Amino acid sequence: MTQPRQRATRSDAEDNRARIIEIARTAFTDSPEASLQSIRKLSGVGQGTMYRHFPSRESLLLAVYRQDVEALIDAAPRLLEQHEPLDALRLWFDRLAAYGRIKLGASLAVEAATRADLGNEYYPPVITALGRLLSAGKAAKQLRPDADPDEVLLLVSFLWKTDGGPHWQVRTGHMLAIVIDGLRAGTPG
C-alpha cells in the first residue's frame, strides 16, 4: 500500500517543481531582482517545498536556464518537420530571441551557468541544433552555402545583449530580418 502513495508524492513533487520553474521564468523576465520568497508565494508552495527543490536563488536560475536551453535545442528538429527550412530557422531565431530576453532578464543565470560550466555543456548541442537548421536551408538552396553555425550564433548574440527598452520587440524583429536576409542563398559573400 505504501508504493502508490510514494508514486503520488513523487508526481506532486514533480508538478510543484515544474510550476515553480514556470513561475520563476516569468518572474525573472518581469523583474531580474525577483526573490526566491516572492516566487515561492506566486507558486503557492510552502517554504520547505521551495527549499527542497531549490535551496538557493541561483539553483532556481540554473533550473530555468537548463530548461530553456534544452527546449531551444529540442525545437530545431520539430521545426524542420513542420516548416520549410528558412521558416524553421526564422522560428528558431524567434525562440532564441525569447530565450535571450529571459537570459537578459535573469543575467545572474548566465553568471551561475558559467560558474557551473553549463556554457560548455550546452554550447555544442546548441551549435548542433543550429547547424541542422542551416544544413536543411543549404540543402533546399534557401541559405548561402558558407553559413557556419558558430558564426551565425555569434552574429545573433545581440538577442541577449539588447537593452530590453520599450521597442525591443520591433528592434529585435528588424535585426533578425536583416540576419535572415544576409543568410539567404544568392547573398554576395
N, C-alpha and C. Protein backbone atom coordinates (compact mmCIF):
# COMPACT_ATOMS: atom_id res chain seq x y z
N MET A 1 0.82 -1.19 0.00
CA MET A 1 0.00 0.00 0.00
C MET A 1 0.87 1.26 0.00
N THR A 2 2.10 1.14 0.46
CA THR A 2 2.99 2.30 0.51
C THR A 2 3.43 2.74 -0.89
N GLN A 3 3.59 1.81 -1.81
CA GLN A 3 4.04 2.10 -3.16
C GLN A 3 3.20 3.17 -3.87
N PRO A 4 1.89 3.03 -3.98
CA PRO A 4 1.10 4.06 -4.67
C PRO A 4 1.24 5.44 -4.03
N ARG A 5 1.32 5.49 -2.72
CA ARG A 5 1.46 6.78 -2.06
C ARG A 5 2.78 7.45 -2.42
N GLN A 6 3.86 6.68 -2.49
CA GLN A 6 5.16 7.23 -2.86
C GLN A 6 5.12 7.76 -4.29
N ARG A 7 4.48 7.04 -5.20
CA ARG A 7 4.38 7.50 -6.58
C ARG A 7 3.59 8.79 -6.66
N ALA A 8 2.50 8.87 -5.89
CA ALA A 8 1.69 10.10 -5.91
C ALA A 8 2.50 11.27 -5.38
N THR A 9 3.27 11.02 -4.33
CA THR A 9 4.10 12.07 -3.76
C THR A 9 5.13 12.53 -4.77
N ARG A 10 5.78 11.59 -5.47
CA ARG A 10 6.76 11.97 -6.47
C ARG A 10 6.12 12.79 -7.58
N SER A 11 4.92 12.39 -7.97
CA SER A 11 4.20 13.12 -9.01
C SER A 11 3.88 14.54 -8.55
N ASP A 12 3.43 14.68 -7.31
CA ASP A 12 3.16 16.01 -6.76
C ASP A 12 4.43 16.84 -6.70
N ALA A 13 5.51 16.22 -6.30
CA ALA A 13 6.79 16.93 -6.21
C ALA A 13 7.23 17.41 -7.59
N GLU A 14 7.06 16.56 -8.61
CA GLU A 14 7.43 16.95 -9.98
C GLU A 14 6.54 18.10 -10.46
N ASP A 15 5.25 18.03 -10.13
CA ASP A 15 4.33 19.11 -10.51
C ASP A 15 4.72 20.42 -9.83
N ASN A 16 5.06 20.34 -8.54
CA ASN A 16 5.48 21.53 -7.80
C ASN A 16 6.74 22.14 -8.43
N ARG A 17 7.69 21.29 -8.72
CA ARG A 17 8.96 21.75 -9.32
C ARG A 17 8.70 22.44 -10.66
N ALA A 18 7.90 21.81 -11.50
CA ALA A 18 7.59 22.38 -12.82
C ALA A 18 6.87 23.72 -12.68
N ARG A 19 5.93 23.81 -11.74
CA ARG A 19 5.19 25.06 -11.52
C ARG A 19 6.13 26.16 -11.03
N ILE A 20 7.03 25.82 -10.12
CA ILE A 20 7.98 26.80 -9.59
C ILE A 20 8.86 27.33 -10.71
N ILE A 21 9.36 26.44 -11.57
CA ILE A 21 10.24 26.86 -12.67
C ILE A 21 9.49 27.77 -13.64
N GLU A 22 8.25 27.41 -13.97
CA GLU A 22 7.47 28.22 -14.91
C GLU A 22 7.20 29.61 -14.34
N ILE A 23 6.83 29.67 -13.09
CA ILE A 23 6.56 30.96 -12.45
C ILE A 23 7.85 31.76 -12.31
N ALA A 24 8.96 31.08 -12.01
CA ALA A 24 10.26 31.76 -11.90
C ALA A 24 10.66 32.36 -13.25
N ARG A 25 10.42 31.64 -14.34
CA ARG A 25 10.76 32.16 -15.67
C ARG A 25 10.06 33.50 -15.90
N THR A 26 8.78 33.53 -15.62
CA THR A 26 8.01 34.76 -15.80
C THR A 26 8.49 35.84 -14.84
N ALA A 27 8.71 35.47 -13.60
CA ALA A 27 9.14 36.44 -12.59
C ALA A 27 10.50 37.04 -12.94
N PHE A 28 11.45 36.21 -13.37
CA PHE A 28 12.78 36.72 -13.72
C PHE A 28 12.73 37.57 -14.98
N THR A 29 11.84 37.25 -15.90
CA THR A 29 11.70 38.06 -17.10
C THR A 29 11.12 39.42 -16.75
N ASP A 30 10.11 39.43 -15.89
CA ASP A 30 9.48 40.69 -15.48
C ASP A 30 10.38 41.53 -14.59
N SER A 31 11.08 40.86 -13.69
CA SER A 31 11.93 41.57 -12.74
C SER A 31 13.16 40.74 -12.41
N PRO A 32 14.33 41.11 -12.93
CA PRO A 32 15.55 40.35 -12.67
C PRO A 32 15.86 40.19 -11.18
N GLU A 33 15.30 41.06 -10.37
CA GLU A 33 15.57 41.01 -8.93
C GLU A 33 14.58 40.14 -8.16
N ALA A 34 13.68 39.46 -8.86
CA ALA A 34 12.67 38.64 -8.18
C ALA A 34 13.34 37.73 -7.15
N SER A 35 12.76 37.72 -5.97
CA SER A 35 13.35 36.93 -4.88
C SER A 35 12.79 35.51 -4.87
N LEU A 36 13.51 34.63 -4.22
CA LEU A 36 13.06 33.26 -4.05
C LEU A 36 11.73 33.25 -3.28
N GLN A 37 11.62 34.11 -2.29
CA GLN A 37 10.40 34.19 -1.47
C GLN A 37 9.20 34.65 -2.30
N SER A 38 9.38 35.64 -3.17
CA SER A 38 8.26 36.12 -3.99
C SER A 38 7.83 35.04 -4.98
N ILE A 39 8.77 34.30 -5.51
CA ILE A 39 8.45 33.21 -6.44
C ILE A 39 7.75 32.08 -5.70
N ARG A 40 8.18 31.83 -4.48
CA ARG A 40 7.53 30.80 -3.67
C ARG A 40 6.07 31.15 -3.45
N LYS A 41 5.81 32.41 -3.11
CA LYS A 41 4.43 32.84 -2.87
C LYS A 41 3.58 32.72 -4.13
N LEU A 42 4.12 33.17 -5.25
CA LEU A 42 3.39 33.07 -6.51
C LEU A 42 3.12 31.62 -6.90
N SER A 43 4.03 30.74 -6.53
CA SER A 43 3.90 29.32 -6.85
C SER A 43 2.89 28.61 -5.96
N GLY A 44 2.59 29.21 -4.81
CA GLY A 44 1.64 28.60 -3.90
C GLY A 44 2.18 27.39 -3.16
N VAL A 45 3.50 27.34 -2.99
CA VAL A 45 4.11 26.23 -2.26
C VAL A 45 4.66 26.74 -0.94
N GLY A 46 4.85 25.82 -0.03
CA GLY A 46 5.41 26.18 1.26
C GLY A 46 6.92 26.40 1.17
N GLN A 47 7.45 26.99 2.22
CA GLN A 47 8.87 27.28 2.26
C GLN A 47 9.71 26.01 2.16
N GLY A 48 9.28 24.95 2.87
CA GLY A 48 10.01 23.68 2.83
C GLY A 48 10.05 23.09 1.43
N THR A 49 8.92 23.16 0.75
CA THR A 49 8.86 22.63 -0.62
C THR A 49 9.80 23.41 -1.52
N MET A 50 9.77 24.72 -1.40
CA MET A 50 10.64 25.56 -2.23
C MET A 50 12.10 25.21 -2.00
N TYR A 51 12.52 25.17 -0.75
CA TYR A 51 13.92 24.94 -0.46
C TYR A 51 14.36 23.50 -0.69
N ARG A 52 13.42 22.58 -0.67
CA ARG A 52 13.73 21.19 -1.00
C ARG A 52 14.11 21.09 -2.49
N HIS A 53 13.38 21.82 -3.33
CA HIS A 53 13.66 21.80 -4.76
C HIS A 53 14.79 22.76 -5.13
N PHE A 54 14.79 23.94 -4.53
CA PHE A 54 15.74 24.99 -4.89
C PHE A 54 16.28 25.64 -3.63
N PRO A 55 17.40 25.15 -3.13
CA PRO A 55 17.95 25.67 -1.88
C PRO A 55 18.46 27.11 -1.97
N SER A 56 18.61 27.60 -3.20
CA SER A 56 19.08 28.99 -3.37
C SER A 56 18.46 29.58 -4.63
N ARG A 57 18.51 30.88 -4.71
CA ARG A 57 18.02 31.59 -5.89
C ARG A 57 18.82 31.17 -7.12
N GLU A 58 20.12 31.00 -6.93
CA GLU A 58 20.99 30.57 -8.02
C GLU A 58 20.58 29.20 -8.56
N SER A 59 20.21 28.28 -7.68
CA SER A 59 19.81 26.96 -8.16
C SER A 59 18.52 27.03 -8.97
N LEU A 60 17.64 27.95 -8.62
CA LEU A 60 16.41 28.14 -9.39
C LEU A 60 16.73 28.79 -10.74
N LEU A 61 17.60 29.78 -10.76
CA LEU A 61 18.03 30.39 -12.01
C LEU A 61 18.64 29.34 -12.95
N LEU A 62 19.46 28.47 -12.39
CA LEU A 62 20.08 27.42 -13.20
C LEU A 62 19.04 26.45 -13.76
N ALA A 63 18.02 26.14 -12.99
CA ALA A 63 16.96 25.24 -13.47
C ALA A 63 16.21 25.88 -14.63
N VAL A 64 15.92 27.16 -14.53
CA VAL A 64 15.25 27.88 -15.62
C VAL A 64 16.15 27.89 -16.85
N TYR A 65 17.42 28.18 -16.65
CA TYR A 65 18.40 28.22 -17.73
C TYR A 65 18.46 26.87 -18.45
N ARG A 66 18.62 25.80 -17.68
CA ARG A 66 18.71 24.46 -18.27
C ARG A 66 17.47 24.13 -19.09
N GLN A 67 16.31 24.37 -18.52
CA GLN A 67 15.06 24.03 -19.20
C GLN A 67 14.91 24.82 -20.50
N ASP A 68 15.25 26.10 -20.46
CA ASP A 68 15.12 26.94 -21.64
C ASP A 68 16.08 26.52 -22.75
N VAL A 69 17.31 26.25 -22.40
CA VAL A 69 18.29 25.85 -23.41
C VAL A 69 17.92 24.49 -23.99
N GLU A 70 17.48 23.56 -23.15
CA GLU A 70 17.07 22.24 -23.66
C GLU A 70 15.87 22.36 -24.59
N ALA A 71 14.93 23.22 -24.27
CA ALA A 71 13.76 23.42 -25.14
C ALA A 71 14.19 24.03 -26.47
N LEU A 72 15.14 24.94 -26.44
CA LEU A 72 15.67 25.55 -27.66
C LEU A 72 16.33 24.49 -28.54
N ILE A 73 17.12 23.64 -27.94
CA ILE A 73 17.81 22.57 -28.67
C ILE A 73 16.79 21.61 -29.28
N ASP A 74 15.82 21.21 -28.49
CA ASP A 74 14.80 20.25 -28.94
C ASP A 74 13.88 20.81 -30.01
N ALA A 75 13.78 22.14 -30.11
CA ALA A 75 12.86 22.75 -31.07
C ALA A 75 13.34 22.60 -32.52
N ALA A 76 14.63 22.55 -32.75
CA ALA A 76 15.16 22.55 -34.13
C ALA A 76 14.59 21.41 -34.97
N PRO A 77 14.68 20.15 -34.56
CA PRO A 77 14.16 19.09 -35.42
C PRO A 77 12.64 19.16 -35.61
N ARG A 78 11.92 19.56 -34.58
CA ARG A 78 10.46 19.68 -34.71
C ARG A 78 10.08 20.78 -35.70
N LEU A 79 10.79 21.89 -35.64
CA LEU A 79 10.51 22.98 -36.57
C LEU A 79 10.79 22.57 -38.00
N LEU A 80 11.87 21.79 -38.21
CA LEU A 80 12.19 21.33 -39.56
C LEU A 80 11.15 20.35 -40.09
N GLU A 81 10.54 19.58 -39.20
CA GLU A 81 9.48 18.65 -39.62
C GLU A 81 8.23 19.40 -40.04
N GLN A 82 7.99 20.56 -39.45
CA GLN A 82 6.73 21.28 -39.65
C GLN A 82 6.82 22.44 -40.63
N HIS A 83 8.03 22.88 -40.99
CA HIS A 83 8.17 24.10 -41.79
C HIS A 83 9.28 23.93 -42.82
N GLU A 84 9.23 24.79 -43.83
CA GLU A 84 10.33 24.89 -44.78
C GLU A 84 11.57 25.34 -44.01
N PRO A 85 12.78 24.96 -44.47
CA PRO A 85 13.99 25.29 -43.71
C PRO A 85 14.17 26.76 -43.34
N LEU A 86 13.92 27.67 -44.26
CA LEU A 86 14.11 29.09 -43.94
C LEU A 86 13.10 29.55 -42.88
N ASP A 87 11.87 29.09 -42.98
CA ASP A 87 10.86 29.42 -41.97
C ASP A 87 11.21 28.79 -40.62
N ALA A 88 11.72 27.55 -40.66
CA ALA A 88 12.12 26.87 -39.43
C ALA A 88 13.24 27.65 -38.75
N LEU A 89 14.21 28.12 -39.54
CA LEU A 89 15.31 28.90 -38.98
C LEU A 89 14.78 30.19 -38.36
N ARG A 90 13.89 30.87 -39.06
CA ARG A 90 13.31 32.12 -38.54
C ARG A 90 12.57 31.86 -37.22
N LEU A 91 11.78 30.79 -37.17
CA LEU A 91 11.05 30.46 -35.95
C LEU A 91 12.00 30.08 -34.82
N TRP A 92 13.09 29.40 -35.15
CA TRP A 92 14.08 29.04 -34.13
C TRP A 92 14.74 30.30 -33.59
N PHE A 93 15.04 31.25 -34.49
CA PHE A 93 15.59 32.53 -34.05
C PHE A 93 14.60 33.27 -33.14
N ASP A 94 13.30 33.17 -33.44
CA ASP A 94 12.29 33.78 -32.57
C ASP A 94 12.36 33.17 -31.17
N ARG A 95 12.53 31.86 -31.11
CA ARG A 95 12.66 31.19 -29.81
C ARG A 95 13.95 31.61 -29.12
N LEU A 96 15.00 31.74 -29.90
CA LEU A 96 16.28 32.19 -29.36
C LEU A 96 16.14 33.61 -28.81
N ALA A 97 15.37 34.44 -29.52
CA ALA A 97 15.14 35.81 -29.05
C ALA A 97 14.38 35.79 -27.73
N ALA A 98 13.36 34.94 -27.63
CA ALA A 98 12.60 34.83 -26.38
C ALA A 98 13.52 34.35 -25.26
N TYR A 99 14.35 33.37 -25.56
CA TYR A 99 15.32 32.89 -24.58
C TYR A 99 16.29 34.01 -24.20
N GLY A 100 16.70 34.79 -25.20
CA GLY A 100 17.61 35.90 -24.94
C GLY A 100 17.02 36.91 -23.99
N ARG A 101 15.71 37.19 -24.12
CA ARG A 101 15.05 38.13 -23.21
C ARG A 101 15.05 37.57 -21.79
N ILE A 102 14.78 36.28 -21.67
CA ILE A 102 14.79 35.67 -20.33
C ILE A 102 16.21 35.69 -19.78
N LYS A 103 17.15 35.36 -20.63
CA LYS A 103 18.55 35.34 -20.21
C LYS A 103 18.99 36.73 -19.79
N LEU A 104 18.56 37.74 -20.56
CA LEU A 104 18.90 39.12 -20.20
C LEU A 104 18.23 39.50 -18.90
N GLY A 105 16.96 39.15 -18.77
CA GLY A 105 16.20 39.49 -17.57
C GLY A 105 16.72 38.80 -16.34
N ALA A 106 17.34 37.68 -16.52
CA ALA A 106 17.90 36.93 -15.40
C ALA A 106 19.40 36.75 -15.63
N SER A 107 20.10 37.85 -15.76
CA SER A 107 21.52 37.78 -16.11
C SER A 107 22.34 36.98 -15.11
N LEU A 108 21.85 36.89 -13.90
CA LEU A 108 22.57 36.07 -12.92
C LEU A 108 22.59 34.61 -13.33
N ALA A 109 21.61 34.17 -14.11
CA ALA A 109 21.60 32.79 -14.58
C ALA A 109 22.82 32.53 -15.44
N VAL A 110 23.20 33.50 -16.23
CA VAL A 110 24.36 33.35 -17.08
C VAL A 110 25.62 33.21 -16.22
N GLU A 111 25.72 34.08 -15.23
CA GLU A 111 26.87 34.00 -14.33
C GLU A 111 26.87 32.67 -13.59
N ALA A 112 25.71 32.25 -13.11
CA ALA A 112 25.62 30.98 -12.40
C ALA A 112 25.95 29.83 -13.33
N ALA A 113 25.46 29.90 -14.57
CA ALA A 113 25.73 28.85 -15.54
C ALA A 113 27.21 28.77 -15.85
N THR A 114 27.86 29.91 -15.93
CA THR A 114 29.29 29.94 -16.20
C THR A 114 30.05 29.28 -15.06
N ARG A 115 29.65 29.62 -13.83
CA ARG A 115 30.31 29.00 -12.68
C ARG A 115 30.06 27.50 -12.65
N ALA A 116 28.88 27.08 -13.09
CA ALA A 116 28.55 25.65 -13.10
C ALA A 116 29.03 24.99 -14.39
N ASP A 117 29.70 25.74 -15.26
CA ASP A 117 30.23 25.26 -16.52
C ASP A 117 29.14 24.76 -17.46
N LEU A 118 27.94 25.32 -17.34
CA LEU A 118 26.85 24.91 -18.22
C LEU A 118 27.03 25.46 -19.62
N GLY A 119 27.76 26.56 -19.75
CA GLY A 119 28.03 27.09 -21.08
C GLY A 119 28.72 26.05 -21.94
N ASN A 120 29.73 25.40 -21.39
CA ASN A 120 30.44 24.36 -22.12
C ASN A 120 29.57 23.13 -22.34
N GLU A 121 28.66 22.88 -21.42
CA GLU A 121 27.77 21.72 -21.54
C GLU A 121 26.75 21.93 -22.65
N TYR A 122 26.22 23.13 -22.79
CA TYR A 122 25.13 23.37 -23.73
C TYR A 122 25.56 23.97 -25.06
N TYR A 123 26.73 24.54 -25.14
CA TYR A 123 27.15 25.15 -26.41
C TYR A 123 27.17 24.15 -27.56
N PRO A 124 27.81 22.99 -27.41
CA PRO A 124 27.83 22.04 -28.53
C PRO A 124 26.43 21.60 -29.00
N PRO A 125 25.49 21.29 -28.11
CA PRO A 125 24.17 20.92 -28.62
C PRO A 125 23.42 22.08 -29.28
N VAL A 126 23.63 23.31 -28.82
CA VAL A 126 23.01 24.47 -29.47
C VAL A 126 23.59 24.64 -30.87
N ILE A 127 24.90 24.51 -31.01
CA ILE A 127 25.56 24.61 -32.31
C ILE A 127 25.08 23.49 -33.23
N THR A 128 24.90 22.30 -32.69
CA THR A 128 24.39 21.18 -33.49
C THR A 128 22.97 21.46 -33.98
N ALA A 129 22.12 21.99 -33.10
CA ALA A 129 20.74 22.31 -33.49
C ALA A 129 20.73 23.38 -34.58
N LEU A 130 21.52 24.43 -34.39
CA LEU A 130 21.59 25.49 -35.39
C LEU A 130 22.19 24.95 -36.69
N GLY A 131 23.20 24.11 -36.58
CA GLY A 131 23.82 23.50 -37.77
C GLY A 131 22.82 22.67 -38.55
N ARG A 132 21.96 21.99 -37.85
CA ARG A 132 20.93 21.18 -38.51
C ARG A 132 19.98 22.08 -39.31
N LEU A 133 19.58 23.19 -38.73
CA LEU A 133 18.71 24.14 -39.42
C LEU A 133 19.41 24.75 -40.63
N LEU A 134 20.66 25.14 -40.46
CA LEU A 134 21.41 25.72 -41.57
C LEU A 134 21.63 24.70 -42.69
N SER A 135 21.95 23.47 -42.33
CA SER A 135 22.16 22.43 -43.34
C SER A 135 20.90 22.18 -44.16
N ALA A 136 19.76 22.15 -43.49
CA ALA A 136 18.50 21.96 -44.20
C ALA A 136 18.25 23.12 -45.16
N GLY A 137 18.54 24.33 -44.73
CA GLY A 137 18.37 25.50 -45.59
C GLY A 137 19.32 25.48 -46.77
N LYS A 138 20.54 25.02 -46.55
CA LYS A 138 21.50 24.92 -47.65
C LYS A 138 21.06 23.84 -48.65
N ALA A 139 20.61 22.70 -48.13
CA ALA A 139 20.16 21.61 -49.00
C ALA A 139 18.96 22.03 -49.84
N ALA A 140 18.12 22.89 -49.29
CA ALA A 140 16.95 23.39 -50.02
C ALA A 140 17.29 24.60 -50.88
N LYS A 141 18.60 24.97 -50.91
CA LYS A 141 19.06 26.11 -51.69
C LYS A 141 18.40 27.42 -51.26
N GLN A 142 18.02 27.50 -49.97
CA GLN A 142 17.43 28.71 -49.42
C GLN A 142 18.45 29.55 -48.68
N LEU A 143 19.54 28.92 -48.23
CA LEU A 143 20.56 29.63 -47.46
C LEU A 143 21.90 29.56 -48.18
N ARG A 144 22.69 30.57 -47.96
CA ARG A 144 24.01 30.62 -48.58
C ARG A 144 24.86 29.45 -48.07
N PRO A 145 25.70 28.89 -48.92
CA PRO A 145 26.45 27.68 -48.56
C PRO A 145 27.55 27.89 -47.52
N ASP A 146 27.97 29.13 -47.30
CA ASP A 146 29.06 29.37 -46.35
C ASP A 146 28.58 29.73 -44.94
N ALA A 147 27.26 29.60 -44.69
CA ALA A 147 26.73 29.91 -43.36
C ALA A 147 27.24 28.88 -42.36
N ASP A 148 27.96 29.36 -41.37
CA ASP A 148 28.57 28.49 -40.36
C ASP A 148 27.84 28.68 -39.02
N PRO A 149 27.47 27.59 -38.35
CA PRO A 149 26.70 27.73 -37.12
C PRO A 149 27.38 28.57 -36.03
N ASP A 150 28.69 28.41 -35.85
CA ASP A 150 29.39 29.21 -34.84
C ASP A 150 29.32 30.69 -35.17
N GLU A 151 29.51 31.02 -36.44
CA GLU A 151 29.48 32.42 -36.85
C GLU A 151 28.07 33.00 -36.77
N VAL A 152 27.07 32.20 -37.15
CA VAL A 152 25.69 32.68 -37.11
C VAL A 152 25.26 32.91 -35.66
N LEU A 153 25.64 32.01 -34.75
CA LEU A 153 25.29 32.21 -33.35
C LEU A 153 25.96 33.47 -32.80
N LEU A 154 27.19 33.69 -33.17
CA LEU A 154 27.87 34.92 -32.76
C LEU A 154 27.16 36.13 -33.34
N LEU A 155 26.74 36.03 -34.58
CA LEU A 155 26.04 37.12 -35.24
C LEU A 155 24.74 37.48 -34.54
N VAL A 156 24.01 36.50 -34.05
CA VAL A 156 22.71 36.77 -33.40
C VAL A 156 22.85 36.95 -31.89
N SER A 157 24.06 37.08 -31.41
CA SER A 157 24.26 37.27 -29.96
C SER A 157 23.64 38.56 -29.46
N PHE A 158 23.27 39.46 -30.38
CA PHE A 158 22.59 40.68 -29.97
C PHE A 158 21.28 40.36 -29.25
N LEU A 159 20.76 39.17 -29.45
CA LEU A 159 19.48 38.80 -28.85
C LEU A 159 19.53 38.83 -27.33
N TRP A 160 20.66 38.54 -26.76
CA TRP A 160 20.75 38.59 -25.30
C TRP A 160 21.60 39.77 -24.83
N LYS A 161 21.82 40.71 -25.71
CA LYS A 161 22.56 41.92 -25.34
C LYS A 161 21.74 43.18 -25.53
N THR A 162 20.50 43.05 -25.96
CA THR A 162 19.67 44.24 -26.17
C THR A 162 19.31 44.83 -24.81
N ASP A 163 18.95 46.10 -24.83
CA ASP A 163 18.66 46.79 -23.58
C ASP A 163 17.26 46.49 -23.03
N GLY A 164 16.42 45.81 -23.82
CA GLY A 164 15.08 45.48 -23.34
C GLY A 164 14.18 46.70 -23.23
N GLY A 165 14.53 47.79 -23.92
CA GLY A 165 13.75 49.01 -23.87
C GLY A 165 12.35 48.83 -24.44
N PRO A 166 11.61 49.94 -24.54
CA PRO A 166 10.21 49.85 -24.92
C PRO A 166 9.97 49.32 -26.34
N HIS A 167 10.96 49.41 -27.20
CA HIS A 167 10.77 48.98 -28.59
C HIS A 167 11.58 47.72 -28.91
N TRP A 168 11.92 46.94 -27.89
CA TRP A 168 12.79 45.79 -28.11
C TRP A 168 12.19 44.79 -29.09
N GLN A 169 10.88 44.57 -29.07
CA GLN A 169 10.28 43.57 -29.97
C GLN A 169 10.43 44.00 -31.42
N VAL A 170 10.14 45.25 -31.71
CA VAL A 170 10.26 45.76 -33.08
C VAL A 170 11.73 45.72 -33.50
N ARG A 171 12.57 46.17 -32.61
CA ARG A 171 14.00 46.22 -32.91
C ARG A 171 14.58 44.82 -33.14
N THR A 172 14.22 43.89 -32.29
CA THR A 172 14.71 42.51 -32.43
C THR A 172 14.20 41.91 -33.74
N GLY A 173 12.93 42.11 -34.05
CA GLY A 173 12.38 41.60 -35.30
C GLY A 173 13.09 42.16 -36.51
N HIS A 174 13.40 43.45 -36.47
CA HIS A 174 14.10 44.09 -37.57
C HIS A 174 15.51 43.53 -37.73
N MET A 175 16.23 43.38 -36.63
CA MET A 175 17.59 42.85 -36.69
C MET A 175 17.60 41.40 -37.16
N LEU A 176 16.62 40.60 -36.71
CA LEU A 176 16.54 39.22 -37.18
C LEU A 176 16.24 39.16 -38.67
N ALA A 177 15.41 40.07 -39.16
CA ALA A 177 15.11 40.11 -40.60
C ALA A 177 16.39 40.40 -41.39
N ILE A 178 17.22 41.28 -40.87
CA ILE A 178 18.49 41.59 -41.53
C ILE A 178 19.38 40.35 -41.56
N VAL A 179 19.45 39.64 -40.45
CA VAL A 179 20.26 38.41 -40.39
C VAL A 179 19.74 37.39 -41.40
N ILE A 180 18.44 37.16 -41.41
CA ILE A 180 17.85 36.18 -42.33
C ILE A 180 18.14 36.59 -43.78
N ASP A 181 17.96 37.86 -44.09
CA ASP A 181 18.24 38.33 -45.45
C ASP A 181 19.71 38.10 -45.82
N GLY A 182 20.59 38.30 -44.87
CA GLY A 182 22.01 38.08 -45.12
C GLY A 182 22.36 36.61 -45.30
N LEU A 183 21.55 35.72 -44.75
CA LEU A 183 21.81 34.28 -44.86
C LEU A 183 21.18 33.66 -46.12
N ARG A 184 20.29 34.38 -46.76
CA ARG A 184 19.61 33.84 -47.95
C ARG A 184 20.60 33.46 -49.03
N ALA A 185 20.27 32.39 -49.74
CA ALA A 185 21.08 31.97 -50.88
C ALA A 185 21.11 33.10 -51.89
N GLY A 186 22.24 33.27 -52.52
CA GLY A 186 22.38 34.32 -53.52
C GLY A 186 22.88 35.63 -52.95
N THR A 187 22.99 35.71 -51.61
CA THR A 187 23.54 36.93 -51.00
C THR A 187 25.05 36.92 -51.23
N PRO A 188 25.59 38.02 -51.74
CA PRO A 188 27.04 38.06 -52.00
C PRO A 188 27.85 37.78 -50.74
N GLY A 189 28.89 36.98 -50.86
CA GLY A 189 29.74 36.63 -49.73
C GLY A 189 30.80 37.57 -49.58
